[in-house]
């Protein structure tokens, strides 16, 4: 280890270096706590944490998606189980109504109503996945 005199530093400066380094570490660690302590005083609306687009109350997807409805052709009713809300709307078009809520089973529950040639059909979703199709009179 090189002593302060050979390094060209005054002896007092060699003693001050560890003190400055310690003080700097204390100051910087204080900043880290403060950075993590920022608060937001604005109110926010609770939303489902999902990376997938969902259908809004107006019947449209919340994101501009390019979904090819041909990949679902030939699949009807229970054959569509597992598709997303936006995939159903891409396949069937604009619904008559959309209702959303939550329950102990799912963060987001959605009911999408369509008028089909055989009558009304309710498509029930849990967390953006089709779980059941209910047809009027069934």
Protein backbone atom coordinates (compact mmCIF):
# COMPACT_ATOMS: atom_id res chain seq x y z
CA UNK A 1 0.00 0.00 0.00
CA UNK A 2 1.32 3.45 -0.86
CA UNK A 3 1.55 5.98 1.92
CA UNK A 4 0.22 9.53 1.52
CA UNK A 5 3.66 11.18 1.40
CA UNK A 6 4.84 9.08 -1.57
CA UNK A 7 1.56 9.65 -3.40
CA UNK A 8 2.09 13.37 -3.16
CA UNK A 9 -0.90 13.88 -0.87
CA UNK A 10 -0.70 15.74 2.36
CA UNK A 11 -1.08 13.46 5.40
CA UNK A 12 -4.42 15.05 6.38
CA UNK A 13 -5.87 14.31 2.99
CA UNK A 14 -5.03 10.60 3.31
CA UNK A 15 -7.00 10.48 6.56
CA UNK A 16 -9.90 12.41 5.07
CA UNK A 17 -10.41 10.00 2.14
CA UNK A 18 -11.97 7.16 4.21
CA UNK A 19 -14.10 9.68 6.11
CA UNK A 20 -15.37 11.23 2.86
CA UNK A 21 -16.05 7.77 1.40
CA UNK A 22 -18.02 6.76 4.51
CA UNK A 23 -19.99 10.01 4.51
CA UNK A 24 -20.74 9.60 0.80
CA UNK A 25 -21.97 6.04 1.39
CA UNK A 26 -24.27 7.24 4.18
CA UNK A 27 -25.64 10.08 2.06
CA UNK A 28 -26.23 7.82 -0.95
CA UNK A 29 -27.91 5.14 1.14
CA UNK A 30 -30.22 7.82 2.48
CA UNK A 31 -31.16 8.72 -1.10
CA UNK A 32 -32.05 5.13 -1.85
CA UNK A 33 -34.53 5.08 1.01
CA UNK A 34 -36.01 8.38 -0.05
CA UNK A 35 -36.32 7.35 -3.70
CA UNK A 36 -38.31 4.30 -2.64
CA UNK A 37 -40.47 6.47 -0.41
CA UNK A 38 -42.12 8.67 -3.01
CA UNK A 39 -45.87 8.87 -2.58
CA UNK A 40 -48.56 9.50 -5.13
CA UNK A 41 -51.36 11.66 -3.82
CA UNK A 42 -53.52 11.12 -6.92
CA UNK A 43 -56.43 8.71 -6.78
CA UNK A 44 -56.57 5.84 -9.23
CA UNK A 45 -59.18 3.45 -10.54
CA UNK A 46 -58.57 -0.23 -9.90
CA UNK A 47 -58.05 -2.16 -13.13
CA UNK A 48 -57.32 -5.74 -13.97
CA UNK A 49 -53.61 -6.31 -14.33
CA UNK A 50 -53.45 -8.00 -17.67
CA UNK A 51 -51.26 -7.67 -20.68
CA UNK A 52 -54.08 -8.75 -22.95
CA UNK A 53 -56.65 -6.41 -24.40
CA UNK A 54 -60.19 -6.78 -23.09
CA UNK A 55 -63.59 -5.67 -24.35
CA UNK A 56 -64.94 -2.44 -22.90
CA UNK A 57 -68.56 -1.70 -21.97
CA UNK A 58 -68.96 -0.18 -25.47
CA UNK A 59 -68.27 -3.57 -27.10
CA UNK A 60 -64.87 -2.65 -28.51
CA UNK A 61 -61.41 -3.95 -27.63
CA UNK A 62 -59.31 -1.71 -25.42
CA UNK A 63 -56.41 -2.06 -27.87
CA UNK A 64 -56.11 -2.04 -31.63
CA UNK A 65 -55.50 -5.70 -32.33
CA UNK A 66 -55.17 -7.55 -35.57
CA UNK A 67 -56.97 -10.82 -34.85
CA UNK A 68 -57.61 -13.16 -37.76
CA UNK A 69 -61.18 -14.45 -37.29
CA UNK A 70 -60.52 -17.29 -39.78
CA UNK A 71 -58.53 -19.15 -37.13
CA UNK A 72 -61.83 -19.64 -35.25
CA UNK A 73 -64.01 -20.62 -38.23
CA UNK A 74 -65.89 -23.85 -37.68
CA UNK A 75 -65.72 -23.43 -33.92
CA UNK A 76 -69.02 -22.50 -32.33
CA UNK A 77 -70.47 -22.51 -28.83
CA UNK A 78 -68.48 -24.67 -26.43
CA UNK A 79 -65.79 -25.12 -29.11
CA UNK A 80 -64.76 -21.53 -28.42
CA UNK A 81 -63.98 -22.17 -24.73
CA UNK A 82 -60.65 -20.53 -23.87
CA UNK A 83 -60.72 -17.68 -26.41
CA UNK A 84 -60.24 -14.10 -25.19
CA UNK A 85 -62.92 -11.41 -25.16
CA UNK A 86 -61.33 -9.60 -28.12
CA UNK A 87 -61.02 -12.82 -30.11
CA UNK A 88 -64.77 -13.42 -29.69
CA UNK A 89 -65.60 -9.87 -30.81
CA UNK A 90 -63.27 -10.25 -33.82
CA UNK A 91 -65.13 -13.45 -34.75
CA UNK A 92 -68.72 -12.39 -34.06
CA UNK A 93 -68.69 -8.61 -34.48
CA UNK A 94 -70.19 -5.98 -32.20
CA UNK A 95 -72.18 -7.46 -29.29
CA UNK A 96 -75.60 -6.31 -28.07
CA UNK A 97 -74.21 -5.66 -24.59
CA UNK A 98 -71.17 -6.12 -22.39
CA UNK A 99 -71.20 -6.26 -18.60
CA UNK A 100 -68.12 -6.53 -16.42
CA UNK A 101 -67.54 -7.13 -12.75
CA UNK A 102 -65.50 -9.23 -10.36
CA UNK A 103 -66.05 -12.10 -7.96
CA UNK A 104 -64.10 -14.24 -5.52
CA UNK A 105 -63.42 -16.63 -8.43
CA UNK A 106 -62.02 -14.08 -10.89
CA UNK A 107 -60.56 -10.58 -10.88
CA UNK A 108 -62.58 -9.80 -14.00
CA UNK A 109 -65.83 -11.42 -15.05
CA UNK A 110 -67.41 -10.40 -18.33
CA UNK A 111 -70.75 -11.28 -19.89
CA UNK A 112 -71.10 -10.59 -23.61
CA UNK A 113 -74.56 -10.89 -25.19
CA UNK A 114 -75.12 -11.66 -28.88
CA UNK A 115 -78.31 -12.12 -30.90
CA UNK A 116 -77.71 -15.18 -33.07
CA UNK A 117 -79.99 -16.86 -35.65
CA UNK A 118 -81.05 -19.40 -32.99
CA UNK A 119 -81.72 -16.72 -30.35
CA UNK A 120 -79.76 -14.91 -27.67
CA UNK A 121 -76.40 -16.27 -26.56
CA UNK A 122 -74.46 -15.25 -23.45
CA UNK A 123 -70.70 -15.68 -23.49
CA UNK A 124 -69.29 -15.80 -19.96
CA UNK A 125 -65.63 -14.92 -19.35
CA UNK A 126 -63.42 -15.22 -16.27
CA UNK A 127 -60.12 -13.32 -16.36
CA UNK A 128 -60.41 -12.77 -20.14
CA UNK A 129 -61.03 -16.44 -21.03
CA UNK A 130 -64.34 -17.82 -22.28
CA UNK A 131 -65.57 -20.35 -19.73
CA UNK A 132 -69.20 -20.94 -20.72
CA UNK A 133 -71.75 -20.29 -23.46
CA UNK A 134 -75.42 -20.08 -22.46
CA UNK A 135 -78.11 -20.02 -25.14
CA UNK A 136 -81.67 -18.77 -24.53
CA UNK A 137 -84.01 -21.68 -23.88
CA UNK A 138 -81.12 -24.06 -23.20
